[in-house]
């Protein structure tokens, strides 16, 4: 059986007949899912012109490729209008993905504090909370959970907190209810975040809080923003670092540049003594195996005036400013 990556590679060579460009050129391949039990491929395809004749041509091409050439049992295809030119994807924005191998390492807290640090350095920042099943950025920012509003063109208006724009799955869910979506629905939500949100035209950086691990969302992100650079978050514990390495290698396989490793919960400062509650060396293990560097070691601490965000003059807040400065030097 062909892998998901191989299927993507083949589909990207097909043409969008409405503009005579490949799907790789248009970015029209929005989601690919493979049901290994039924051997059926599920697709979301974006077309520049969504007329019936164009959809029929693409449907025929896909059926030949997926069923005859690649040998899958079936194919399910959804079409949508390609909106890249009028979205944030049509602008010069720098994307930073924050990834981890497992949950519980503080990835979302790192994302939020890095956003504040970049803002303090004069950058215009937005956050896409793409941790679909475990979205938590609104809670970290101490924001009420309400449905987003839209403008007259049905564009979603992002929420704002302290100058940072934010969109998150959490705003679309009932409180305390789990998300029970499969691949195609996840792809649709990500598409909304990139194509249908009315992001500020001055935004310079978008931080993408990715789900732990190496599932469909990470691969969809590569399709949407192939130039995304990655930060890998781990703790010092060796079990966490072992899994974080896998996330780093997955990012490299998706052709994302690695900015470096953040070792979170690195130590606890007890009266000037560094107490290494979760062990030591995990960040260096990850960095060495990925041939990159540890760009921050963030200690355990509690902000003075917020549940999760450190002030600019707090010691850990200064650590995040240092992290932000290192990242800016890579651009």
Protein backbone atom coordinates (compact mmCIF):
# COMPACT_ATOMS: atom_id res chain seq x y z
CA UNK A 1 0.00 0.00 0.00
CA UNK A 2 1.16 3.52 -0.75
CA UNK A 3 1.85 5.82 2.21
CA UNK A 4 -0.05 9.05 2.79
CA UNK A 5 3.02 11.06 1.78
CA UNK A 6 3.30 9.12 -1.50
CA UNK A 7 -0.39 9.68 -2.24
CA UNK A 8 0.06 13.41 -1.61
CA UNK A 9 3.04 13.51 -3.95
CA UNK A 10 1.06 11.88 -6.75
CA UNK A 11 -2.03 14.05 -6.32
CA UNK A 12 0.01 17.25 -6.31
CA UNK A 13 1.08 16.48 -9.88
CA UNK A 14 -2.53 16.50 -11.13
CA UNK A 15 -3.93 19.65 -12.75
CA UNK A 16 -6.53 22.12 -11.58
CA UNK A 17 -8.25 22.45 -14.99
CA UNK A 18 -9.76 25.82 -14.06
CA UNK A 19 -6.32 27.47 -14.15
CA UNK A 20 -4.12 24.82 -15.84
CA UNK A 21 -1.79 24.60 -12.85
CA UNK A 22 -0.84 21.61 -10.73
CA UNK A 23 -2.32 21.23 -7.27
CA UNK A 24 1.20 21.69 -5.95
CA UNK A 25 1.33 25.11 -7.63
CA UNK A 26 -2.11 26.19 -6.43
CA UNK A 27 -1.93 24.61 -2.97
CA UNK A 28 -5.23 22.96 -3.83
CA UNK A 29 -4.66 19.71 -1.95
CA UNK A 30 -6.21 20.53 1.42
CA UNK A 31 -6.50 17.16 3.13
CA UNK A 32 -5.60 13.53 2.51
CA UNK A 33 -6.81 10.74 4.77
CA UNK A 34 -6.43 6.99 4.31
CA UNK A 35 -8.73 4.55 6.08
CA UNK A 36 -6.50 1.50 6.42
CA UNK A 37 -9.44 -0.78 7.23
CA UNK A 38 -11.44 0.00 4.09
CA UNK A 39 -8.49 1.10 1.90
CA UNK A 40 -10.45 4.26 1.00
CA UNK A 41 -8.81 7.65 0.41
CA UNK A 42 -10.63 10.78 1.63
CA UNK A 43 -9.73 14.11 0.02
CA UNK A 44 -10.52 17.80 0.32
CA UNK A 45 -9.60 19.59 -2.92
CA UNK A 46 -9.56 23.34 -3.41
CA UNK A 47 -10.23 24.67 -6.92
CA UNK A 48 -9.70 28.18 -8.22
CA UNK A 49 -13.06 27.85 -10.02
CA UNK A 50 -15.55 25.42 -8.51
CA UNK A 51 -17.74 24.99 -11.60
CA UNK A 52 -19.31 21.57 -12.18
CA UNK A 53 -17.31 20.82 -15.32
CA UNK A 54 -14.01 21.42 -13.50
CA UNK A 55 -15.10 19.22 -10.59
CA UNK A 56 -16.04 16.42 -13.02
CA UNK A 57 -12.64 16.58 -14.72
CA UNK A 58 -10.79 16.43 -11.41
CA UNK A 59 -13.03 13.62 -10.14
CA UNK A 60 -12.16 11.52 -13.19
CA UNK A 61 -8.43 12.20 -12.82
CA UNK A 62 -8.50 11.36 -9.13
CA UNK A 63 -10.48 8.14 -9.67
CA UNK A 64 -7.97 6.94 -12.26
CA UNK A 65 -4.99 7.82 -10.05
CA UNK A 66 -6.29 6.55 -6.71
CA UNK A 67 -8.15 3.42 -7.81
CA UNK A 68 -6.42 2.28 -11.02
CA UNK A 69 -2.85 3.53 -10.64
CA UNK A 70 -2.39 3.33 -6.87
CA UNK A 71 -4.74 0.42 -6.20
CA UNK A 72 -6.98 1.80 -3.46
CA UNK A 73 -10.50 0.43 -3.08
CA UNK A 74 -12.34 3.75 -3.15
CA UNK A 75 -12.18 7.52 -2.95
CA UNK A 76 -14.30 10.19 -1.27
CA UNK A 77 -13.75 13.75 -2.47
CA UNK A 78 -15.02 17.10 -1.24
CA UNK A 79 -14.43 20.30 -3.20
CA UNK A 80 -14.11 23.85 -1.94
CA UNK A 81 -13.24 27.20 -3.47
CA UNK A 82 -9.53 27.96 -3.24
CA UNK A 83 -9.12 31.22 -1.39
CA UNK A 84 -5.38 31.55 -0.92
CA UNK A 85 -4.95 34.92 -2.61
CA UNK A 86 -7.39 36.63 -0.25
CA UNK A 87 -6.19 34.90 2.91
CA UNK A 88 -3.21 35.16 5.21
CA UNK A 89 -1.57 32.45 3.09
CA UNK A 90 -1.28 34.98 0.28
CA UNK A 91 0.81 37.33 2.41
CA UNK A 92 4.40 37.48 3.64
CA UNK A 93 3.97 36.02 7.12
CA UNK A 94 6.52 34.02 9.12
CA UNK A 95 5.12 30.79 10.59
CA UNK A 96 6.57 29.08 13.65
CA UNK A 97 5.21 25.67 14.61
CA UNK A 98 5.50 24.64 18.27
CA UNK A 99 5.60 20.84 18.45
CA UNK A 100 6.16 18.08 21.00
CA UNK A 101 6.21 14.33 21.01
CA UNK A 102 3.79 13.97 23.91
CA UNK A 103 1.30 16.03 25.88
CA UNK A 104 1.99 17.53 29.28
CA UNK A 105 5.34 19.13 28.48
CA UNK A 106 3.98 22.69 28.45
CA UNK A 107 3.96 23.20 24.68
CA UNK A 108 0.94 25.52 24.71
CA UNK A 109 2.32 27.54 27.62
CA UNK A 110 5.57 27.96 25.70
CA UNK A 111 3.59 29.07 22.63
CA UNK A 112 1.64 31.69 24.58
CA UNK A 113 4.65 33.10 26.42
CA UNK A 114 6.70 33.22 23.22
CA UNK A 115 3.87 35.20 21.59
CA UNK A 116 3.99 37.73 24.43
CA UNK A 117 7.78 37.95 24.21
CA UNK A 118 7.68 38.64 20.46
CA UNK A 119 4.99 41.28 21.05
CA UNK A 120 7.18 42.96 23.68
CA UNK A 121 9.92 43.11 21.07
CA UNK A 122 7.60 45.08 18.77
CA UNK A 123 6.33 42.27 16.55
CA UNK A 124 2.71 41.82 15.48
CA UNK A 125 1.78 38.25 16.43
CA UNK A 126 -1.12 35.86 15.93
CA UNK A 127 -1.68 32.37 17.35
CA UNK A 128 -3.42 29.46 15.63
CA UNK A 129 -4.33 26.89 18.26
CA UNK A 130 -4.14 23.82 16.02
CA UNK A 131 -3.95 21.40 18.94
CA UNK A 132 -7.39 20.30 17.80
CA UNK A 133 -8.18 17.69 20.44
CA UNK A 134 -6.48 19.46 23.34
CA UNK A 135 -6.87 23.16 22.55
CA UNK A 136 -5.97 25.24 25.59
CA UNK A 137 -4.55 28.59 24.48
CA UNK A 138 -7.72 30.57 25.38
CA UNK A 139 -7.61 29.09 28.90
CA UNK A 140 -3.89 29.84 29.21
CA UNK A 141 -4.61 33.44 28.22
CA UNK A 142 -7.49 33.56 30.74
CA UNK A 143 -10.07 34.35 28.05
CA UNK A 144 -13.82 33.66 28.12
CA UNK A 145 -14.95 30.95 25.69
CA UNK A 146 -17.47 32.46 23.28
CA UNK A 147 -18.32 31.83 19.64
CA UNK A 148 -16.36 34.05 17.21
CA UNK A 149 -18.17 36.76 15.28
CA UNK A 150 -17.98 37.29 11.53
CA UNK A 151 -17.96 40.32 9.24
CA UNK A 152 -20.32 41.08 6.36
CA UNK A 153 -18.31 38.74 4.09
CA UNK A 154 -18.60 35.87 6.59
CA UNK A 155 -14.93 36.11 7.51
CA UNK A 156 -14.21 34.98 11.08
CA UNK A 157 -13.01 37.80 13.32
CA UNK A 158 -10.15 36.53 15.52
CA UNK A 159 -10.09 37.21 19.23
CA UNK A 160 -7.54 39.64 20.65
CA UNK A 161 -5.70 39.62 23.94
CA UNK A 162 -3.00 42.17 24.81
CA UNK A 163 -2.39 42.89 21.11
CA UNK A 164 -2.15 39.20 20.14
CA UNK A 165 -4.73 37.76 17.73
CA UNK A 166 -5.97 34.24 18.33
CA UNK A 167 -8.19 31.57 16.83
CA UNK A 168 -8.77 28.21 18.50
CA UNK A 169 -10.99 25.15 18.22
CA UNK A 170 -11.97 25.79 21.84
CA UNK A 171 -14.11 28.74 20.72
CA UNK A 172 -16.23 26.44 18.54
CA UNK A 173 -16.96 23.73 21.13
CA UNK A 174 -19.36 23.31 24.01
CA UNK A 175 -17.56 23.74 27.36
CA UNK A 176 -16.02 20.52 28.71
CA UNK A 177 -17.19 18.51 25.69
CA UNK A 178 -14.59 16.38 23.83
CA UNK A 179 -13.97 16.77 20.12
CA UNK A 180 -15.05 13.65 18.22
CA UNK A 181 -13.98 14.55 14.67
CA UNK A 182 -12.11 12.46 12.12
CA UNK A 183 -9.61 13.54 9.46
CA UNK A 184 -11.79 15.42 6.96
CA UNK A 185 -13.45 17.56 9.65
CA UNK A 186 -10.07 18.40 11.14
CA UNK A 187 -8.85 19.43 7.70
CA UNK A 188 -11.87 21.69 7.28
CA UNK A 189 -11.26 23.40 10.63
CA UNK A 190 -7.61 24.06 9.79
CA UNK A 191 -8.65 25.45 6.41
CA UNK A 192 -11.02 27.86 8.19
CA UNK A 193 -8.19 29.04 10.46
CA UNK A 194 -5.98 29.89 7.50
CA UNK A 195 -8.46 30.86 4.78
CA UNK A 196 -11.47 32.31 6.55
CA UNK A 197 -10.08 34.30 9.47
CA UNK A 198 -9.80 38.06 9.08
CA UNK A 199 -6.25 38.36 10.36
CA UNK A 200 -4.74 41.82 10.86
CA UNK A 201 -2.89 42.88 7.71
CA UNK A 202 0.15 43.90 9.78
CA UNK A 203 0.73 40.48 11.37
CA UNK A 204 4.37 39.41 10.99
CA UNK A 205 4.42 36.11 12.88
CA UNK A 206 1.87 33.34 13.28
CA UNK A 207 2.63 30.80 16.00
CA UNK A 208 0.98 27.44 15.37
CA UNK A 209 0.39 25.35 18.49
CA UNK A 210 0.47 21.83 17.03
CA UNK A 211 -1.01 18.65 18.52
CA UNK A 212 1.45 16.29 20.22
CA UNK A 213 2.79 13.53 18.02
CA UNK A 214 2.91 13.13 14.24
CA UNK A 215 -0.69 12.71 13.05
CA UNK A 216 -2.84 14.13 10.26
CA UNK A 217 -2.80 17.73 11.52
CA UNK A 218 0.99 18.01 11.30
CA UNK A 219 0.92 16.76 7.71
CA UNK A 220 -1.97 19.09 6.79
CA UNK A 221 0.04 21.98 8.23
CA UNK A 222 2.89 21.08 5.89
CA UNK A 223 0.50 21.26 2.95
CA UNK A 224 -0.83 24.66 4.04
CA UNK A 225 2.41 26.30 5.19
CA UNK A 226 5.41 24.35 3.87
CA UNK A 227 7.78 27.17 4.93
CA UNK A 228 6.82 26.80 8.60
CA UNK A 229 9.84 26.58 10.92
CA UNK A 230 9.63 24.37 13.99
CA UNK A 231 10.43 24.57 17.70
CA UNK A 232 10.46 21.24 19.55
CA UNK A 233 9.41 21.31 23.21
CA UNK A 234 10.46 18.64 25.71
CA UNK A 235 11.12 18.27 29.42
CA UNK A 236 14.43 17.10 30.89
CA UNK A 237 12.97 13.63 31.50
CA UNK A 238 14.40 11.01 29.15
CA UNK A 239 11.02 9.44 28.36
CA UNK A 240 9.73 12.81 27.14
CA UNK A 241 12.88 13.51 25.15
CA UNK A 242 12.70 10.09 23.49
CA UNK A 243 9.27 10.91 22.05
CA UNK A 244 10.21 14.52 21.25
CA UNK A 245 12.96 13.22 18.96
CA UNK A 246 10.28 11.48 16.88
CA UNK A 247 8.39 14.77 16.49
CA UNK A 248 11.59 16.45 15.37
CA UNK A 249 12.38 13.78 12.78
CA UNK A 250 8.79 13.98 11.53
CA UNK A 251 9.20 17.73 11.05
CA UNK A 252 12.38 17.15 9.08
CA UNK A 253 10.67 14.54 6.89
CA UNK A 254 8.02 17.17 6.13
CA UNK A 255 10.85 19.54 5.09
CA UNK A 256 10.39 21.98 7.98
CA UNK A 257 13.51 23.77 9.24
CA UNK A 258 14.17 23.28 12.94
CA UNK A 259 14.78 26.46 14.94
CA UNK A 260 15.85 24.45 17.96
CA UNK A 261 14.73 22.73 21.15
CA UNK A 262 13.10 24.29 24.21
CA UNK A 263 13.64 22.32 27.41
CA UNK A 264 10.63 23.26 29.53
CA UNK A 265 10.35 22.60 33.29
CA UNK A 266 14.13 22.43 33.17
CA UNK A 267 14.63 22.91 36.90
CA UNK A 268 13.12 24.49 40.02
CA UNK A 269 14.93 27.39 41.64
CA UNK A 270 14.87 26.72 45.42
CA UNK A 271 16.65 29.54 47.24
CA UNK A 272 19.22 29.85 44.50
CA UNK A 273 19.75 26.13 44.07
CA UNK A 274 18.62 24.44 40.84
CA UNK A 275 16.56 21.40 41.78
CA UNK A 276 16.13 19.15 38.76
CA UNK A 277 12.74 17.63 39.59
CA UNK A 278 12.33 15.89 36.21
CA UNK A 279 15.93 14.83 35.79
CA UNK A 280 18.38 16.42 33.39
CA UNK A 281 19.73 16.26 29.88
CA UNK A 282 16.53 15.66 27.94
CA UNK A 283 16.78 18.83 25.89
CA UNK A 284 20.38 18.12 24.91
CA UNK A 285 19.52 14.55 23.94
CA UNK A 286 16.83 15.83 21.56
CA UNK A 287 19.03 18.60 20.15
CA UNK A 288 21.99 16.27 19.56
CA UNK A 289 19.90 13.64 17.78
CA UNK A 290 18.24 16.27 15.60
CA UNK A 291 21.56 18.04 14.96
CA UNK A 292 20.21 21.33 16.28
CA UNK A 293 20.62 23.27 19.56
CA UNK A 294 18.83 23.93 22.83
CA UNK A 295 17.61 27.52 22.41
CA UNK A 296 16.01 27.88 25.85
CA UNK A 297 15.89 26.13 29.21
CA UNK A 298 12.74 27.32 30.96
CA UNK A 299 12.54 26.63 34.73
CA UNK A 300 9.43 25.72 36.70
CA UNK A 301 7.69 28.78 38.10
CA UNK A 302 4.43 30.61 38.66
CA UNK A 303 3.80 34.09 37.19
CA UNK A 304 3.15 36.83 39.72
CA UNK A 305 0.14 38.47 38.08
CA UNK A 306 -1.29 35.86 35.69
CA UNK A 307 -2.18 32.18 35.66
CA UNK A 308 0.33 31.32 32.90
CA UNK A 309 1.95 34.43 31.35
CA UNK A 310 5.18 35.75 32.83
CA UNK A 311 5.79 39.48 33.04
CA UNK A 312 8.53 41.13 31.01
CA UNK A 313 10.62 41.81 34.14
CA UNK A 314 10.13 38.43 35.79
CA UNK A 315 13.08 36.06 35.55
CA UNK A 316 11.23 33.51 33.42
CA UNK A 317 9.74 36.35 31.37
CA UNK A 318 13.30 37.38 30.58
CA UNK A 319 14.06 33.79 29.55
CA UNK A 320 11.23 34.01 27.02
CA UNK A 321 12.54 37.35 25.74
CA UNK A 322 15.89 35.64 25.20
CA UNK A 323 14.14 32.83 23.31
CA UNK A 324 12.26 35.35 21.14
CA UNK A 325 15.50 37.21 20.33
CA UNK A 326 17.21 33.97 19.27
CA UNK A 327 14.32 33.11 17.00
CA UNK A 328 14.28 36.59 15.43
CA UNK A 329 17.96 36.17 14.52
CA UNK A 330 16.96 33.22 12.32
CA UNK A 331 14.84 35.49 10.10
